């Protein structure tokens, strides 16, 4: 989740997600439900973790 905290505000969350999760084939995601769960956790973290680009605030605090 280091990528989330230190994002610069110039990249879309989905692109950063792809970078931080890497190749999903290697995580052995076997169903759409598994992928949905992984992405849900990632987006929840995105929304509540502080971001350098937001002056140390989380998106939910903006």
N, C-alpha and C. Protein backbone atom coordinates (compact mmCIF):
# COMPACT_ATOMS: atom_id res chain seq x y z
N UNK A 1 0.81 -1.19 0.00
CA UNK A 1 0.00 0.00 0.00
C UNK A 1 0.86 1.26 0.00
N UNK A 2 2.17 1.08 -0.01
CA UNK A 2 3.09 2.21 -0.11
C UNK A 2 2.75 3.06 -1.33
N UNK A 3 2.38 2.41 -2.44
CA UNK A 3 2.05 3.13 -3.67
C UNK A 3 0.92 4.12 -3.44
N UNK A 4 -0.07 3.75 -2.65
CA UNK A 4 -1.21 4.62 -2.40
C UNK A 4 -0.77 5.85 -1.61
N UNK A 5 -0.04 5.65 -0.55
CA UNK A 5 0.36 6.77 0.30
C UNK A 5 1.24 7.77 -0.43
N UNK A 6 2.03 7.30 -1.36
CA UNK A 6 3.00 8.17 -2.02
C UNK A 6 2.64 8.50 -3.46
N UNK A 7 1.38 8.31 -3.82
CA UNK A 7 0.98 8.68 -5.17
C UNK A 7 1.02 10.20 -5.30
N UNK A 8 1.26 10.68 -6.53
CA UNK A 8 1.50 12.10 -6.73
C UNK A 8 0.29 12.88 -7.23
N UNK A 9 -0.85 12.23 -7.36
CA UNK A 9 -2.04 12.91 -7.83
C UNK A 9 -2.12 13.04 -9.33
N UNK A 10 -1.15 12.50 -10.04
CA UNK A 10 -1.11 12.62 -11.50
C UNK A 10 -1.49 11.32 -12.20
N UNK A 11 -1.79 10.30 -11.45
CA UNK A 11 -2.08 8.99 -12.03
C UNK A 11 -3.47 8.54 -11.59
N UNK A 12 -4.16 7.89 -12.47
CA UNK A 12 -5.49 7.38 -12.15
C UNK A 12 -5.37 6.23 -11.15
N UNK A 13 -6.32 6.13 -10.22
CA UNK A 13 -6.27 5.03 -9.25
C UNK A 13 -6.21 3.66 -9.91
N UNK A 14 -6.89 3.49 -11.05
CA UNK A 14 -6.87 2.19 -11.71
C UNK A 14 -5.49 1.83 -12.23
N UNK A 15 -4.74 2.82 -12.72
CA UNK A 15 -3.38 2.55 -13.20
C UNK A 15 -2.47 2.19 -12.03
N UNK A 16 -2.59 2.91 -10.94
CA UNK A 16 -1.80 2.60 -9.77
C UNK A 16 -2.15 1.22 -9.22
N UNK A 17 -3.44 0.87 -9.30
CA UNK A 17 -3.89 -0.45 -8.86
C UNK A 17 -3.22 -1.53 -9.69
N UNK A 18 -3.19 -1.34 -11.00
CA UNK A 18 -2.54 -2.33 -11.87
C UNK A 18 -1.07 -2.49 -11.50
N UNK A 19 -0.39 -1.38 -11.23
CA UNK A 19 1.02 -1.44 -10.87
C UNK A 19 1.23 -2.15 -9.54
N UNK A 20 0.42 -1.82 -8.55
CA UNK A 20 0.64 -2.39 -7.22
C UNK A 20 0.20 -3.84 -7.12
N UNK A 21 -0.79 -4.24 -7.90
CA UNK A 21 -1.25 -5.63 -7.86
C UNK A 21 -0.41 -6.53 -8.77
N UNK A 22 0.25 -5.94 -9.74
CA UNK A 22 1.07 -6.73 -10.65
C UNK A 22 0.22 -7.59 -11.56
N UNK A 23 0.77 -8.67 -11.97
CA UNK A 23 0.10 -9.59 -12.89
C UNK A 23 -0.92 -10.42 -12.12
N UNK A 24 -2.19 -10.19 -12.37
CA UNK A 24 -3.24 -10.90 -11.63
C UNK A 24 -3.22 -12.41 -11.87
N UNK A 25 -2.64 -12.84 -12.99
CA UNK A 25 -2.54 -14.28 -13.21
C UNK A 25 -1.68 -14.94 -12.14
N UNK A 26 -0.68 -14.23 -11.67
CA UNK A 26 0.21 -14.78 -10.65
C UNK A 26 -0.47 -14.88 -9.29
N UNK A 27 -1.56 -14.13 -9.06
CA UNK A 27 -2.25 -14.19 -7.78
C UNK A 27 -3.28 -15.33 -7.76
N UNK A 28 -3.41 -16.01 -8.88
CA UNK A 28 -4.33 -17.14 -9.01
C UNK A 28 -5.78 -16.74 -8.75
N UNK A 29 -6.17 -15.62 -9.32
CA UNK A 29 -7.57 -15.20 -9.27
C UNK A 29 -8.33 -16.12 -10.21
N UNK A 30 -9.22 -16.92 -9.65
CA UNK A 30 -9.88 -17.93 -10.48
C UNK A 30 -11.31 -17.57 -10.84
N UNK A 31 -11.90 -16.61 -10.15
CA UNK A 31 -13.28 -16.24 -10.46
C UNK A 31 -13.42 -14.72 -10.47
N UNK A 32 -14.48 -14.28 -11.09
CA UNK A 32 -14.78 -12.86 -11.09
C UNK A 32 -15.04 -12.38 -9.66
N UNK A 33 -15.62 -13.23 -8.85
CA UNK A 33 -15.88 -12.89 -7.46
C UNK A 33 -14.58 -12.65 -6.69
N UNK A 34 -13.56 -13.49 -6.96
CA UNK A 34 -12.25 -13.29 -6.32
C UNK A 34 -11.66 -11.94 -6.73
N UNK A 35 -11.72 -11.64 -8.02
CA UNK A 35 -11.20 -10.37 -8.52
C UNK A 35 -11.96 -9.21 -7.91
N UNK A 36 -13.27 -9.33 -7.84
CA UNK A 36 -14.10 -8.28 -7.26
C UNK A 36 -13.72 -8.03 -5.80
N UNK A 37 -13.44 -9.09 -5.06
CA UNK A 37 -13.04 -8.95 -3.66
C UNK A 37 -11.69 -8.23 -3.54
N UNK A 38 -10.73 -8.62 -4.36
CA UNK A 38 -9.41 -8.00 -4.34
C UNK A 38 -9.51 -6.51 -4.68
N UNK A 39 -10.24 -6.20 -5.73
CA UNK A 39 -10.38 -4.81 -6.14
C UNK A 39 -11.14 -3.99 -5.11
N UNK A 40 -12.12 -4.60 -4.47
CA UNK A 40 -12.87 -3.91 -3.42
C UNK A 40 -11.99 -3.53 -2.24
N UNK A 41 -11.12 -4.44 -1.84
CA UNK A 41 -10.20 -4.17 -0.74
C UNK A 41 -9.23 -3.06 -1.15
N UNK A 42 -8.73 -3.11 -2.36
CA UNK A 42 -7.79 -2.11 -2.83
C UNK A 42 -8.43 -0.73 -2.86
N UNK A 43 -9.64 -0.64 -3.38
CA UNK A 43 -10.32 0.66 -3.46
C UNK A 43 -10.68 1.19 -2.08
N UNK A 44 -11.04 0.30 -1.16
CA UNK A 44 -11.31 0.72 0.21
C UNK A 44 -10.05 1.32 0.82
N UNK A 45 -8.91 0.67 0.60
CA UNK A 45 -7.64 1.20 1.10
C UNK A 45 -7.34 2.55 0.47
N UNK A 46 -7.56 2.69 -0.82
CA UNK A 46 -7.33 3.95 -1.52
C UNK A 46 -8.12 5.08 -0.86
N UNK A 47 -9.33 4.82 -0.50
CA UNK A 47 -10.21 5.86 0.04
C UNK A 47 -9.90 6.26 1.47
N UNK A 48 -9.30 5.37 2.26
CA UNK A 48 -9.09 5.69 3.68
C UNK A 48 -7.63 5.96 4.05
N UNK A 49 -6.70 5.62 3.17
CA UNK A 49 -5.28 5.86 3.48
C UNK A 49 -4.90 7.30 3.14
N UNK A 50 -4.01 7.89 3.94
CA UNK A 50 -3.54 9.23 3.62
C UNK A 50 -2.70 9.23 2.34
N UNK A 51 -2.80 10.30 1.58
CA UNK A 51 -2.07 10.46 0.32
C UNK A 51 -1.18 11.68 0.43
N UNK A 52 0.05 11.55 0.00
CA UNK A 52 0.96 12.69 -0.04
C UNK A 52 0.36 13.81 -0.89
N UNK A 53 -0.26 13.44 -2.02
CA UNK A 53 -0.82 14.42 -2.93
C UNK A 53 -1.97 15.22 -2.33
N UNK A 54 -2.54 14.72 -1.25
CA UNK A 54 -3.64 15.41 -0.57
C UNK A 54 -3.17 16.02 0.76
N UNK A 55 -1.87 16.23 0.87
CA UNK A 55 -1.33 16.82 2.08
C UNK A 55 -1.45 15.92 3.30
N UNK A 56 -1.40 14.61 3.07
CA UNK A 56 -1.48 13.66 4.18
C UNK A 56 -2.89 13.28 4.57
N UNK A 57 -3.87 13.78 3.83
CA UNK A 57 -5.27 13.41 4.11
C UNK A 57 -5.70 12.27 3.20
N UNK A 58 -6.74 11.58 3.62
CA UNK A 58 -7.34 10.52 2.82
C UNK A 58 -8.44 11.13 1.95
N UNK A 59 -8.76 10.51 0.80
CA UNK A 59 -9.83 11.02 -0.03
C UNK A 59 -11.16 11.20 0.73
N UNK A 60 -11.44 10.33 1.67
CA UNK A 60 -12.70 10.47 2.42
C UNK A 60 -12.70 11.71 3.31
N UNK A 61 -11.52 12.28 3.56
CA UNK A 61 -11.42 13.48 4.39
C UNK A 61 -11.46 14.77 3.57
N UNK A 62 -11.37 14.62 2.26
CA UNK A 62 -11.31 15.81 1.39
C UNK A 62 -12.65 16.46 1.22
